[in-house]
Amino acid sequence: MLSGCSVLGGASYPPAPVNAATDEYSYIIGAGDNLSIQVWRNPELSMSVPVRPDGKIAAPLVDEMIVQGKTSVQVARDVEKQLSKYVRDPVVTVIVTNFVGPYSEQIRVVGEAARPQFLAYKQKMTLLDVMIAVGGLTDFASGNSATILRTAEGNKQYSVRLKDLIKRGDVSANVDMRPGDILIIPQSLF
């Protein structure tokens, strides 16, 4: 009799698509990342720098450069452009060594997860990967009433079956995550 009750007040969402990841994803640099800047034949200009909360970096001969929202290749070309004022034909490689990513790309887990948190998005990340990272569900979670809010699709919501995936091992309930997804795990009413 109560099996038809929904924690969300009767709202139902379509199931999340199993395959949502795209192959053309490129990591976007965000505040909190660390960048290793290598300048070929100029070791004195090579260094590791953190991306500040304002999305900028500072390095030798490179003042206050905005890097947030760019790929490592774009940042390398920007550094080359600034260094070309002082160094002939600089060749720069930028490697991201600590990954946080911009807020718009992070996966957020809220509600009845063992450790609600944000996670840096990784290519081909799945719902199971996310649940392992947050330590699973609490005893009070209504896992099969959970939803994914997909910001990449204009805040469209999808239902997911976390209890089936985690407690019953039903891998058909596993779905791909997208950058910026928010996993909402409601509390069970009974």
N, C-alpha and C. Protein backbone atom coordinates (compact mmCIF):
# COMPACT_ATOMS: atom_id res chain seq x y z
N MET A 1 0.81 -1.19 0.00
CA MET A 1 0.00 0.00 0.00
C MET A 1 0.86 1.26 0.00
N LEU A 2 1.97 1.22 0.75
CA LEU A 2 2.84 2.39 0.81
C LEU A 2 3.95 2.34 -0.23
N SER A 3 4.05 1.29 -1.00
CA SER A 3 5.14 1.17 -1.96
C SER A 3 5.10 2.23 -3.05
N GLY A 4 3.96 2.82 -3.30
CA GLY A 4 3.86 3.85 -4.33
C GLY A 4 4.23 5.23 -3.84
N CYS A 5 4.47 5.38 -2.53
CA CYS A 5 4.82 6.69 -1.97
C CYS A 5 6.20 7.09 -2.42
N SER A 6 6.38 8.33 -2.69
CA SER A 6 7.67 8.85 -3.08
C SER A 6 8.11 9.88 -2.07
N VAL A 7 9.40 9.89 -1.78
CA VAL A 7 9.95 10.86 -0.84
C VAL A 7 9.83 12.26 -1.40
N LEU A 8 9.79 12.38 -2.71
CA LEU A 8 9.77 13.70 -3.34
C LEU A 8 8.35 14.21 -3.56
N GLY A 9 7.40 13.68 -2.83
CA GLY A 9 6.04 14.19 -2.92
C GLY A 9 5.35 13.79 -4.20
N GLY A 10 5.64 12.61 -4.71
CA GLY A 10 4.94 12.14 -5.88
C GLY A 10 5.65 12.46 -7.19
N ALA A 11 6.71 13.24 -7.15
CA ALA A 11 7.43 13.58 -8.37
C ALA A 11 8.21 12.37 -8.84
N SER A 12 8.14 12.08 -10.13
CA SER A 12 8.95 10.99 -10.67
C SER A 12 9.73 11.52 -11.86
N TYR A 13 10.92 11.00 -12.00
CA TYR A 13 11.81 11.45 -13.06
C TYR A 13 12.16 10.26 -13.94
N PRO A 14 12.51 10.53 -15.19
CA PRO A 14 12.91 9.42 -16.07
C PRO A 14 14.22 8.81 -15.56
N PRO A 15 14.44 7.53 -15.84
CA PRO A 15 15.70 6.92 -15.42
C PRO A 15 16.88 7.59 -16.14
N ALA A 16 17.99 7.66 -15.45
CA ALA A 16 19.20 8.26 -16.04
C ALA A 16 19.69 7.41 -17.19
N PRO A 17 20.14 8.04 -18.28
CA PRO A 17 20.69 7.26 -19.39
C PRO A 17 21.96 6.53 -18.96
N VAL A 18 22.10 5.29 -19.37
CA VAL A 18 23.26 4.49 -18.98
C VAL A 18 24.54 5.08 -19.55
N ASN A 19 24.51 5.45 -20.82
CA ASN A 19 25.70 6.01 -21.47
C ASN A 19 25.54 7.51 -21.63
N ALA A 20 26.27 8.26 -20.80
CA ALA A 20 26.18 9.72 -20.86
C ALA A 20 27.54 10.35 -21.11
N ALA A 21 28.61 9.59 -20.93
CA ALA A 21 29.96 10.14 -21.09
C ALA A 21 30.24 10.40 -22.57
N THR A 22 31.07 11.39 -22.81
CA THR A 22 31.46 11.71 -24.18
C THR A 22 32.97 11.55 -24.31
N ASP A 23 33.41 11.13 -25.49
CA ASP A 23 34.83 10.91 -25.72
C ASP A 23 35.61 12.21 -25.90
N GLU A 24 34.93 13.30 -26.23
CA GLU A 24 35.65 14.55 -26.50
C GLU A 24 35.89 15.39 -25.25
N TYR A 25 35.74 14.82 -24.07
CA TYR A 25 35.95 15.56 -22.83
C TYR A 25 37.43 15.93 -22.67
N SER A 26 37.70 17.18 -22.32
CA SER A 26 39.05 17.65 -21.99
C SER A 26 39.00 18.27 -20.61
N TYR A 27 39.98 17.94 -19.79
CA TYR A 27 40.01 18.46 -18.43
C TYR A 27 40.16 19.98 -18.45
N ILE A 28 39.37 20.64 -17.63
CA ILE A 28 39.40 22.09 -17.50
C ILE A 28 40.04 22.43 -16.15
N ILE A 29 40.99 23.33 -16.16
CA ILE A 29 41.71 23.73 -14.95
C ILE A 29 40.81 24.57 -14.05
N GLY A 30 40.94 24.33 -12.75
CA GLY A 30 40.16 25.08 -11.77
C GLY A 30 41.01 25.51 -10.59
N ALA A 31 40.45 26.37 -9.75
CA ALA A 31 41.13 26.83 -8.55
C ALA A 31 41.44 25.63 -7.66
N GLY A 32 42.65 25.59 -7.12
CA GLY A 32 43.07 24.47 -6.28
C GLY A 32 43.91 23.46 -7.01
N ASP A 33 43.90 23.49 -8.34
CA ASP A 33 44.77 22.60 -9.12
C ASP A 33 46.22 23.05 -8.94
N ASN A 34 47.14 22.15 -9.18
CA ASN A 34 48.56 22.50 -9.25
C ASN A 34 49.03 22.26 -10.67
N LEU A 35 49.82 23.18 -11.18
CA LEU A 35 50.34 23.07 -12.54
C LEU A 35 51.85 22.97 -12.52
N SER A 36 52.39 22.05 -13.29
CA SER A 36 53.82 21.95 -13.50
C SER A 36 54.10 22.59 -14.85
N ILE A 37 54.84 23.70 -14.83
CA ILE A 37 55.16 24.44 -16.05
C ILE A 37 56.61 24.14 -16.40
N GLN A 38 56.82 23.52 -17.55
CA GLN A 38 58.16 23.17 -18.02
C GLN A 38 58.49 24.02 -19.25
N VAL A 39 59.60 24.74 -19.17
CA VAL A 39 60.05 25.57 -20.30
C VAL A 39 61.32 24.92 -20.84
N TRP A 40 61.21 24.40 -22.05
CA TRP A 40 62.33 23.67 -22.66
C TRP A 40 63.56 24.55 -22.76
N ARG A 41 64.69 24.02 -22.36
CA ARG A 41 66.00 24.69 -22.38
C ARG A 41 66.07 25.90 -21.45
N ASN A 42 65.10 26.04 -20.55
CA ASN A 42 65.10 27.15 -19.58
C ASN A 42 64.63 26.62 -18.21
N PRO A 43 65.45 25.79 -17.56
CA PRO A 43 65.01 25.19 -16.29
C PRO A 43 64.74 26.23 -15.20
N GLU A 44 65.38 27.39 -15.30
CA GLU A 44 65.16 28.44 -14.29
C GLU A 44 63.75 29.03 -14.38
N LEU A 45 63.09 28.83 -15.52
CA LEU A 45 61.71 29.31 -15.69
C LEU A 45 60.67 28.22 -15.44
N SER A 46 61.14 26.98 -15.27
CA SER A 46 60.24 25.86 -15.02
C SER A 46 59.93 25.78 -13.53
N MET A 47 58.68 25.52 -13.21
CA MET A 47 58.30 25.40 -11.80
C MET A 47 56.90 24.83 -11.66
N SER A 48 56.56 24.51 -10.42
CA SER A 48 55.22 24.05 -10.10
C SER A 48 54.50 25.20 -9.40
N VAL A 49 53.27 25.48 -9.84
CA VAL A 49 52.53 26.61 -9.25
C VAL A 49 51.09 26.18 -8.94
N PRO A 50 50.54 26.69 -7.83
CA PRO A 50 49.14 26.41 -7.54
C PRO A 50 48.24 27.40 -8.27
N VAL A 51 47.04 26.96 -8.61
CA VAL A 51 46.04 27.87 -9.15
C VAL A 51 45.32 28.47 -7.95
N ARG A 52 45.41 29.77 -7.83
CA ARG A 52 44.83 30.47 -6.69
C ARG A 52 43.30 30.45 -6.74
N PRO A 53 42.66 30.80 -5.62
CA PRO A 53 41.19 30.84 -5.60
C PRO A 53 40.58 31.79 -6.64
N ASP A 54 41.34 32.79 -7.08
CA ASP A 54 40.82 33.70 -8.11
C ASP A 54 41.03 33.17 -9.53
N GLY A 55 41.58 31.93 -9.64
CA GLY A 55 41.75 31.30 -10.95
C GLY A 55 43.01 31.72 -11.68
N LYS A 56 43.92 32.41 -10.98
CA LYS A 56 45.14 32.91 -11.62
C LYS A 56 46.37 32.18 -11.09
N ILE A 57 47.46 32.30 -11.88
CA ILE A 57 48.77 31.83 -11.45
C ILE A 57 49.76 32.96 -11.62
N ALA A 58 50.90 32.85 -10.94
CA ALA A 58 52.04 33.74 -11.15
C ALA A 58 53.28 32.86 -11.19
N ALA A 59 54.15 33.12 -12.13
CA ALA A 59 55.38 32.36 -12.32
C ALA A 59 56.46 33.34 -12.78
N PRO A 60 57.72 32.91 -12.83
CA PRO A 60 58.77 33.80 -13.32
C PRO A 60 58.43 34.34 -14.72
N LEU A 61 58.45 35.63 -14.86
CA LEU A 61 58.17 36.36 -16.10
C LEU A 61 56.71 36.23 -16.55
N VAL A 62 55.87 35.63 -15.73
CA VAL A 62 54.44 35.49 -16.04
C VAL A 62 53.67 36.03 -14.84
N ASP A 63 53.07 37.19 -15.01
CA ASP A 63 52.36 37.82 -13.91
C ASP A 63 50.86 37.67 -14.07
N GLU A 64 50.21 37.21 -13.01
CA GLU A 64 48.75 37.25 -12.91
C GLU A 64 48.03 36.75 -14.16
N MET A 65 48.30 35.52 -14.55
CA MET A 65 47.64 34.94 -15.72
C MET A 65 46.41 34.14 -15.29
N ILE A 66 45.27 34.40 -15.93
CA ILE A 66 44.06 33.63 -15.65
C ILE A 66 44.18 32.29 -16.37
N VAL A 67 44.04 31.18 -15.59
CA VAL A 67 44.12 29.84 -16.17
C VAL A 67 42.84 29.04 -15.94
N GLN A 68 42.02 29.46 -14.99
CA GLN A 68 40.79 28.74 -14.70
C GLN A 68 39.89 28.73 -15.93
N GLY A 69 39.33 27.55 -16.22
CA GLY A 69 38.44 27.42 -17.37
C GLY A 69 39.15 27.09 -18.66
N LYS A 70 40.47 26.91 -18.60
CA LYS A 70 41.25 26.59 -19.80
C LYS A 70 41.82 25.18 -19.69
N THR A 71 42.23 24.61 -20.82
CA THR A 71 42.93 23.33 -20.82
C THR A 71 44.41 23.59 -20.60
N SER A 72 45.16 22.54 -20.30
CA SER A 72 46.61 22.70 -20.08
C SER A 72 47.31 23.17 -21.36
N VAL A 73 46.83 22.75 -22.51
CA VAL A 73 47.43 23.17 -23.79
C VAL A 73 47.19 24.67 -24.01
N GLN A 74 45.98 25.15 -23.71
CA GLN A 74 45.70 26.58 -23.85
C GLN A 74 46.59 27.41 -22.92
N VAL A 75 46.79 26.92 -21.70
CA VAL A 75 47.64 27.64 -20.75
C VAL A 75 49.08 27.65 -21.25
N ALA A 76 49.55 26.52 -21.79
CA ALA A 76 50.92 26.46 -22.31
C ALA A 76 51.13 27.50 -23.42
N ARG A 77 50.15 27.63 -24.33
CA ARG A 77 50.28 28.63 -25.41
C ARG A 77 50.27 30.05 -24.83
N ASP A 78 49.44 30.29 -23.82
CA ASP A 78 49.40 31.62 -23.19
C ASP A 78 50.73 31.95 -22.51
N VAL A 79 51.32 30.97 -21.84
CA VAL A 79 52.63 31.17 -21.18
C VAL A 79 53.69 31.44 -22.24
N GLU A 80 53.65 30.67 -23.33
CA GLU A 80 54.61 30.90 -24.42
C GLU A 80 54.51 32.33 -24.94
N LYS A 81 53.30 32.81 -25.10
CA LYS A 81 53.08 34.17 -25.61
C LYS A 81 53.71 35.20 -24.66
N GLN A 82 53.50 35.03 -23.35
CA GLN A 82 54.08 35.98 -22.40
C GLN A 82 55.60 35.86 -22.34
N LEU A 83 56.12 34.63 -22.37
CA LEU A 83 57.56 34.43 -22.30
C LEU A 83 58.28 34.91 -23.57
N SER A 84 57.60 34.94 -24.68
CA SER A 84 58.24 35.33 -25.95
C SER A 84 58.74 36.78 -25.91
N LYS A 85 58.27 37.56 -24.94
CA LYS A 85 58.78 38.93 -24.77
C LYS A 85 60.22 38.91 -24.25
N TYR A 86 60.59 37.79 -23.57
CA TYR A 86 61.90 37.73 -22.91
C TYR A 86 62.78 36.59 -23.41
N VAL A 87 62.16 35.53 -23.96
CA VAL A 87 62.88 34.34 -24.37
C VAL A 87 62.57 34.07 -25.84
N ARG A 88 63.61 33.72 -26.60
CA ARG A 88 63.40 33.44 -28.02
C ARG A 88 62.75 32.06 -28.20
N ASP A 89 61.64 32.02 -28.92
CA ASP A 89 60.92 30.80 -29.26
C ASP A 89 60.75 29.84 -28.07
N PRO A 90 60.08 30.28 -27.01
CA PRO A 90 59.90 29.38 -25.86
C PRO A 90 58.97 28.20 -26.22
N VAL A 91 59.31 27.04 -25.69
CA VAL A 91 58.48 25.85 -25.84
C VAL A 91 58.04 25.44 -24.44
N VAL A 92 56.74 25.51 -24.19
CA VAL A 92 56.21 25.30 -22.84
C VAL A 92 55.27 24.10 -22.83
N THR A 93 55.42 23.31 -21.78
CA THR A 93 54.49 22.21 -21.52
C THR A 93 53.88 22.44 -20.15
N VAL A 94 52.57 22.31 -20.05
CA VAL A 94 51.88 22.46 -18.76
C VAL A 94 51.20 21.13 -18.44
N ILE A 95 51.49 20.63 -17.23
CA ILE A 95 50.91 19.38 -16.77
C ILE A 95 50.16 19.66 -15.47
N VAL A 96 48.91 19.22 -15.40
CA VAL A 96 48.14 19.36 -14.17
C VAL A 96 48.56 18.23 -13.25
N THR A 97 49.05 18.57 -12.04
CA THR A 97 49.56 17.54 -11.13
C THR A 97 48.64 17.28 -9.93
N ASN A 98 47.72 18.16 -9.64
CA ASN A 98 46.74 17.96 -8.57
C ASN A 98 45.40 18.41 -9.12
N PHE A 99 44.43 17.52 -9.11
CA PHE A 99 43.17 17.78 -9.79
C PHE A 99 42.06 18.15 -8.82
N VAL A 100 41.46 19.30 -9.04
CA VAL A 100 40.26 19.72 -8.33
C VAL A 100 39.20 20.10 -9.36
N GLY A 101 39.60 20.88 -10.34
CA GLY A 101 38.69 21.28 -11.41
C GLY A 101 37.79 22.43 -10.99
N PRO A 102 37.20 23.12 -11.95
CA PRO A 102 36.28 24.21 -11.61
C PRO A 102 34.99 23.66 -11.01
N TYR A 103 34.32 24.48 -10.22
CA TYR A 103 33.08 24.06 -9.57
C TYR A 103 32.06 23.53 -10.57
N SER A 104 32.01 24.14 -11.74
CA SER A 104 31.01 23.74 -12.74
C SER A 104 31.23 22.33 -13.26
N GLU A 105 32.41 21.74 -13.04
CA GLU A 105 32.72 20.40 -13.53
C GLU A 105 32.71 19.35 -12.42
N GLN A 106 32.64 19.77 -11.17
CA GLN A 106 32.72 18.83 -10.05
C GLN A 106 31.41 18.06 -9.88
N ILE A 107 31.54 16.83 -9.42
CA ILE A 107 30.39 16.00 -9.07
C ILE A 107 30.10 16.28 -7.60
N ARG A 108 28.86 16.66 -7.28
CA ARG A 108 28.50 16.91 -5.89
C ARG A 108 27.54 15.81 -5.43
N VAL A 109 27.76 15.35 -4.21
CA VAL A 109 26.90 14.33 -3.62
C VAL A 109 26.34 14.92 -2.33
N VAL A 110 25.02 15.03 -2.26
CA VAL A 110 24.36 15.62 -1.10
C VAL A 110 23.31 14.66 -0.55
N GLY A 111 23.01 14.82 0.73
CA GLY A 111 21.98 14.00 1.35
C GLY A 111 22.56 12.84 2.13
N GLU A 112 21.95 11.68 1.97
CA GLU A 112 22.24 10.53 2.80
C GLU A 112 23.36 9.63 2.27
N ALA A 113 24.46 10.25 1.88
CA ALA A 113 25.68 9.50 1.58
C ALA A 113 26.48 9.42 2.87
N ALA A 114 27.30 8.39 3.00
CA ALA A 114 28.11 8.26 4.22
C ALA A 114 29.01 9.48 4.41
N ARG A 115 29.59 9.99 3.32
CA ARG A 115 30.44 11.18 3.37
C ARG A 115 30.08 12.11 2.21
N PRO A 116 29.00 12.91 2.36
CA PRO A 116 28.65 13.84 1.27
C PRO A 116 29.84 14.75 0.95
N GLN A 117 30.09 14.98 -0.32
CA GLN A 117 31.26 15.77 -0.72
C GLN A 117 31.19 16.11 -2.19
N PHE A 118 32.22 16.83 -2.66
CA PHE A 118 32.36 17.05 -4.09
C PHE A 118 33.55 16.23 -4.56
N LEU A 119 33.50 15.81 -5.81
CA LEU A 119 34.56 15.01 -6.40
C LEU A 119 34.97 15.63 -7.73
N ALA A 120 36.24 15.58 -8.03
CA ALA A 120 36.70 16.02 -9.35
C ALA A 120 36.18 15.02 -10.37
N TYR A 121 35.60 15.50 -11.47
CA TYR A 121 35.10 14.62 -12.52
C TYR A 121 36.26 13.94 -13.23
N LYS A 122 36.09 12.66 -13.52
CA LYS A 122 37.07 11.91 -14.30
C LYS A 122 36.36 11.29 -15.49
N GLN A 123 37.05 11.22 -16.61
CA GLN A 123 36.49 10.63 -17.83
C GLN A 123 35.98 9.22 -17.55
N LYS A 124 34.79 8.89 -18.04
CA LYS A 124 34.14 7.58 -17.90
C LYS A 124 33.76 7.26 -16.45
N MET A 125 33.61 8.29 -15.60
CA MET A 125 33.20 8.09 -14.21
C MET A 125 31.75 7.60 -14.18
N THR A 126 31.47 6.62 -13.32
CA THR A 126 30.13 6.07 -13.22
C THR A 126 29.54 6.35 -11.84
N LEU A 127 28.27 6.07 -11.70
CA LEU A 127 27.57 6.22 -10.43
C LEU A 127 28.22 5.34 -9.36
N LEU A 128 28.62 4.13 -9.73
CA LEU A 128 29.28 3.23 -8.77
C LEU A 128 30.59 3.84 -8.28
N ASP A 129 31.38 4.44 -9.18
CA ASP A 129 32.63 5.11 -8.78
C ASP A 129 32.35 6.19 -7.74
N VAL A 130 31.30 6.96 -7.97
CA VAL A 130 30.93 8.05 -7.06
C VAL A 130 30.54 7.49 -5.70
N MET A 131 29.74 6.44 -5.70
CA MET A 131 29.27 5.86 -4.43
C MET A 131 30.41 5.23 -3.64
N ILE A 132 31.37 4.65 -4.31
CA ILE A 132 32.55 4.11 -3.61
C ILE A 132 33.33 5.26 -2.98
N ALA A 133 33.50 6.35 -3.70
CA ALA A 133 34.25 7.51 -3.19
C ALA A 133 33.59 8.15 -1.97
N VAL A 134 32.27 8.13 -1.90
CA VAL A 134 31.57 8.76 -0.77
C VAL A 134 31.24 7.75 0.34
N GLY A 135 31.67 6.51 0.19
CA GLY A 135 31.49 5.53 1.25
C GLY A 135 30.13 4.87 1.32
N GLY A 136 29.35 4.96 0.26
CA GLY A 136 28.05 4.31 0.23
C GLY A 136 26.94 5.15 0.84
N LEU A 137 25.87 4.46 1.23
CA LEU A 137 24.67 5.11 1.76
C LEU A 137 24.64 5.01 3.28
N THR A 138 23.92 5.95 3.91
CA THR A 138 23.66 5.83 5.35
C THR A 138 22.52 4.83 5.55
N ASP A 139 22.28 4.45 6.81
CA ASP A 139 21.19 3.53 7.12
C ASP A 139 19.83 4.15 6.85
N PHE A 140 19.77 5.48 6.76
CA PHE A 140 18.50 6.18 6.60
C PHE A 140 18.23 6.62 5.17
N ALA A 141 19.08 6.21 4.24
CA ALA A 141 18.94 6.64 2.85
C ALA A 141 17.80 5.93 2.14
N SER A 142 17.12 6.66 1.30
CA SER A 142 16.13 6.08 0.39
C SER A 142 16.81 5.99 -0.98
N GLY A 143 17.70 5.01 -1.10
CA GLY A 143 18.59 4.90 -2.26
C GLY A 143 17.90 4.84 -3.60
N ASN A 144 16.77 4.15 -3.68
CA ASN A 144 16.08 4.03 -4.97
C ASN A 144 15.22 5.24 -5.29
N SER A 145 15.21 6.24 -4.39
CA SER A 145 14.52 7.51 -4.67
C SER A 145 15.51 8.61 -5.00
N ALA A 146 16.78 8.25 -5.16
CA ALA A 146 17.82 9.23 -5.45
C ALA A 146 17.67 9.76 -6.88
N THR A 147 18.20 10.96 -7.09
CA THR A 147 18.15 11.58 -8.42
C THR A 147 19.49 12.20 -8.77
N ILE A 148 19.71 12.32 -10.06
CA ILE A 148 20.86 13.07 -10.58
C ILE A 148 20.31 14.35 -11.21
N LEU A 149 20.81 15.49 -10.78
CA LEU A 149 20.50 16.77 -11.38
C LEU A 149 21.62 17.04 -12.38
N ARG A 150 21.31 17.02 -13.66
CA ARG A 150 22.32 17.13 -14.71
C ARG A 150 22.38 18.57 -15.20
N THR A 151 23.36 19.32 -14.71
CA THR A 151 23.50 20.73 -15.07
C THR A 151 23.84 20.92 -16.54
N ALA A 152 24.52 19.94 -17.13
CA ALA A 152 24.89 20.03 -18.54
C ALA A 152 23.68 19.97 -19.46
N GLU A 153 22.54 19.56 -18.92
CA GLU A 153 21.31 19.46 -19.72
C GLU A 153 20.24 20.41 -19.17
N GLY A 154 20.67 21.55 -18.67
CA GLY A 154 19.72 22.55 -18.19
C GLY A 154 19.00 22.14 -16.91
N ASN A 155 19.70 21.48 -16.00
CA ASN A 155 19.16 21.04 -14.70
C ASN A 155 18.06 19.99 -14.83
N LYS A 156 18.16 19.15 -15.83
CA LYS A 156 17.21 18.04 -15.98
C LYS A 156 17.50 17.01 -14.90
N GLN A 157 16.43 16.43 -14.31
CA GLN A 157 16.61 15.44 -13.25
C GLN A 157 16.29 14.04 -13.75
N TYR A 158 17.09 13.08 -13.28
CA TYR A 158 16.92 11.68 -13.62
C TYR A 158 16.87 10.85 -12.34
N SER A 159 16.07 9.81 -12.34
CA SER A 159 16.05 8.92 -11.18
C SER A 159 17.16 7.88 -11.33
N VAL A 160 17.73 7.48 -10.20
CA VAL A 160 18.74 6.43 -10.16
C VAL A 160 18.40 5.45 -9.04
N ARG A 161 18.83 4.22 -9.19
CA ARG A 161 18.52 3.17 -8.22
C ARG A 161 19.77 2.78 -7.43
N LEU A 162 20.11 3.61 -6.44
CA LEU A 162 21.32 3.38 -5.66
C LEU A 162 21.23 2.12 -4.80
N LYS A 163 20.08 1.87 -4.20
CA LYS A 163 19.94 0.70 -3.34
C LYS A 163 20.13 -0.57 -4.16
N ASP A 164 19.52 -0.60 -5.35
CA ASP A 164 19.69 -1.77 -6.22
C ASP A 164 21.16 -1.95 -6.61
N LEU A 165 21.83 -0.86 -6.91
CA LEU A 165 23.23 -0.92 -7.34
C LEU A 165 24.15 -1.37 -6.20
N ILE A 166 24.00 -0.75 -5.03
CA ILE A 166 24.95 -1.00 -3.94
C ILE A 166 24.57 -2.21 -3.10
N LYS A 167 23.34 -2.28 -2.68
CA LYS A 167 22.93 -3.34 -1.75
C LYS A 167 22.64 -4.67 -2.46
N ARG A 168 22.13 -4.59 -3.70
CA ARG A 168 21.75 -5.81 -4.41
C ARG A 168 22.73 -6.19 -5.52
N GLY A 169 23.69 -5.31 -5.81
CA GLY A 169 24.68 -5.60 -6.83
C GLY A 169 24.14 -5.62 -8.24
N ASP A 170 23.07 -4.89 -8.48
CA ASP A 170 22.45 -4.84 -9.81
C ASP A 170 23.20 -3.83 -10.69
N VAL A 171 24.14 -4.32 -11.49
CA VAL A 171 24.97 -3.44 -12.31
C VAL A 171 24.17 -2.73 -13.41
N SER A 172 22.96 -3.20 -13.69
CA SER A 172 22.14 -2.50 -14.68
C SER A 172 21.71 -1.13 -14.14
N ALA A 173 21.84 -0.91 -12.83
CA ALA A 173 21.51 0.39 -12.24
C ALA A 173 22.68 1.37 -12.31
N ASN A 174 23.83 0.92 -12.79
CA ASN A 174 25.00 1.79 -12.90
C ASN A 174 24.88 2.66 -14.15
N VAL A 175 25.15 3.96 -14.02
CA VAL A 175 25.05 4.89 -15.15
C VAL A 175 26.30 5.78 -15.19
N ASP A 176 26.56 6.33 -16.35
CA ASP A 176 27.67 7.28 -16.50
C ASP A 176 27.32 8.61 -15.85
N MET A 177 28.35 9.26 -15.29
CA MET A 177 28.19 10.60 -14.74
C MET A 177 28.70 11.60 -15.78
N ARG A 178 28.25 12.83 -15.65
CA ARG A 178 28.72 13.92 -16.53
C ARG A 178 29.30 15.02 -15.67
N PRO A 179 30.19 15.84 -16.20
CA PRO A 179 30.73 16.95 -15.41
C PRO A 179 29.59 17.84 -14.91
N GLY A 180 29.65 18.19 -13.63
CA GLY A 180 28.65 19.08 -13.05
C GLY A 180 27.43 18.39 -12.48
N ASP A 181 27.35 17.05 -12.57
CA ASP A 181 26.20 16.33 -12.03
C ASP A 181 26.11 16.50 -10.51
N ILE A 182 24.88 16.57 -10.02
CA ILE A 182 24.62 16.62 -8.58
C ILE A 182 23.78 15.41 -8.23
N LEU A 183 24.31 14.54 -7.36
CA LEU A 183 23.60 13.35 -6.91
C LEU A 183 22.90 13.69 -5.61
N ILE A 184 21.57 13.57 -5.60
CA ILE A 184 20.75 13.91 -4.44
C ILE A 184 20.18 12.62 -3.87
N ILE A 185 20.55 12.33 -2.60
CA ILE A 185 20.11 11.10 -1.95
C ILE A 185 19.19 11.47 -0.80
N PRO A 186 17.88 11.26 -0.95
CA PRO A 186 16.94 11.66 0.10
C PRO A 186 16.95 10.68 1.27
N GLN A 187 16.38 11.15 2.37
CA GLN A 187 16.23 10.33 3.56
C GLN A 187 14.92 9.55 3.45
N SER A 188 14.93 8.33 3.91
CA SER A 188 13.73 7.50 3.91
C SER A 188 12.78 7.99 4.98
N LEU A 189 11.49 8.01 4.67
CA LEU A 189 10.51 8.48 5.64
C LEU A 189 10.16 7.40 6.65
N PHE A 190 10.46 6.15 6.33
CA PHE A 190 10.16 5.05 7.26
C PHE A 190 11.13 3.93 7.08
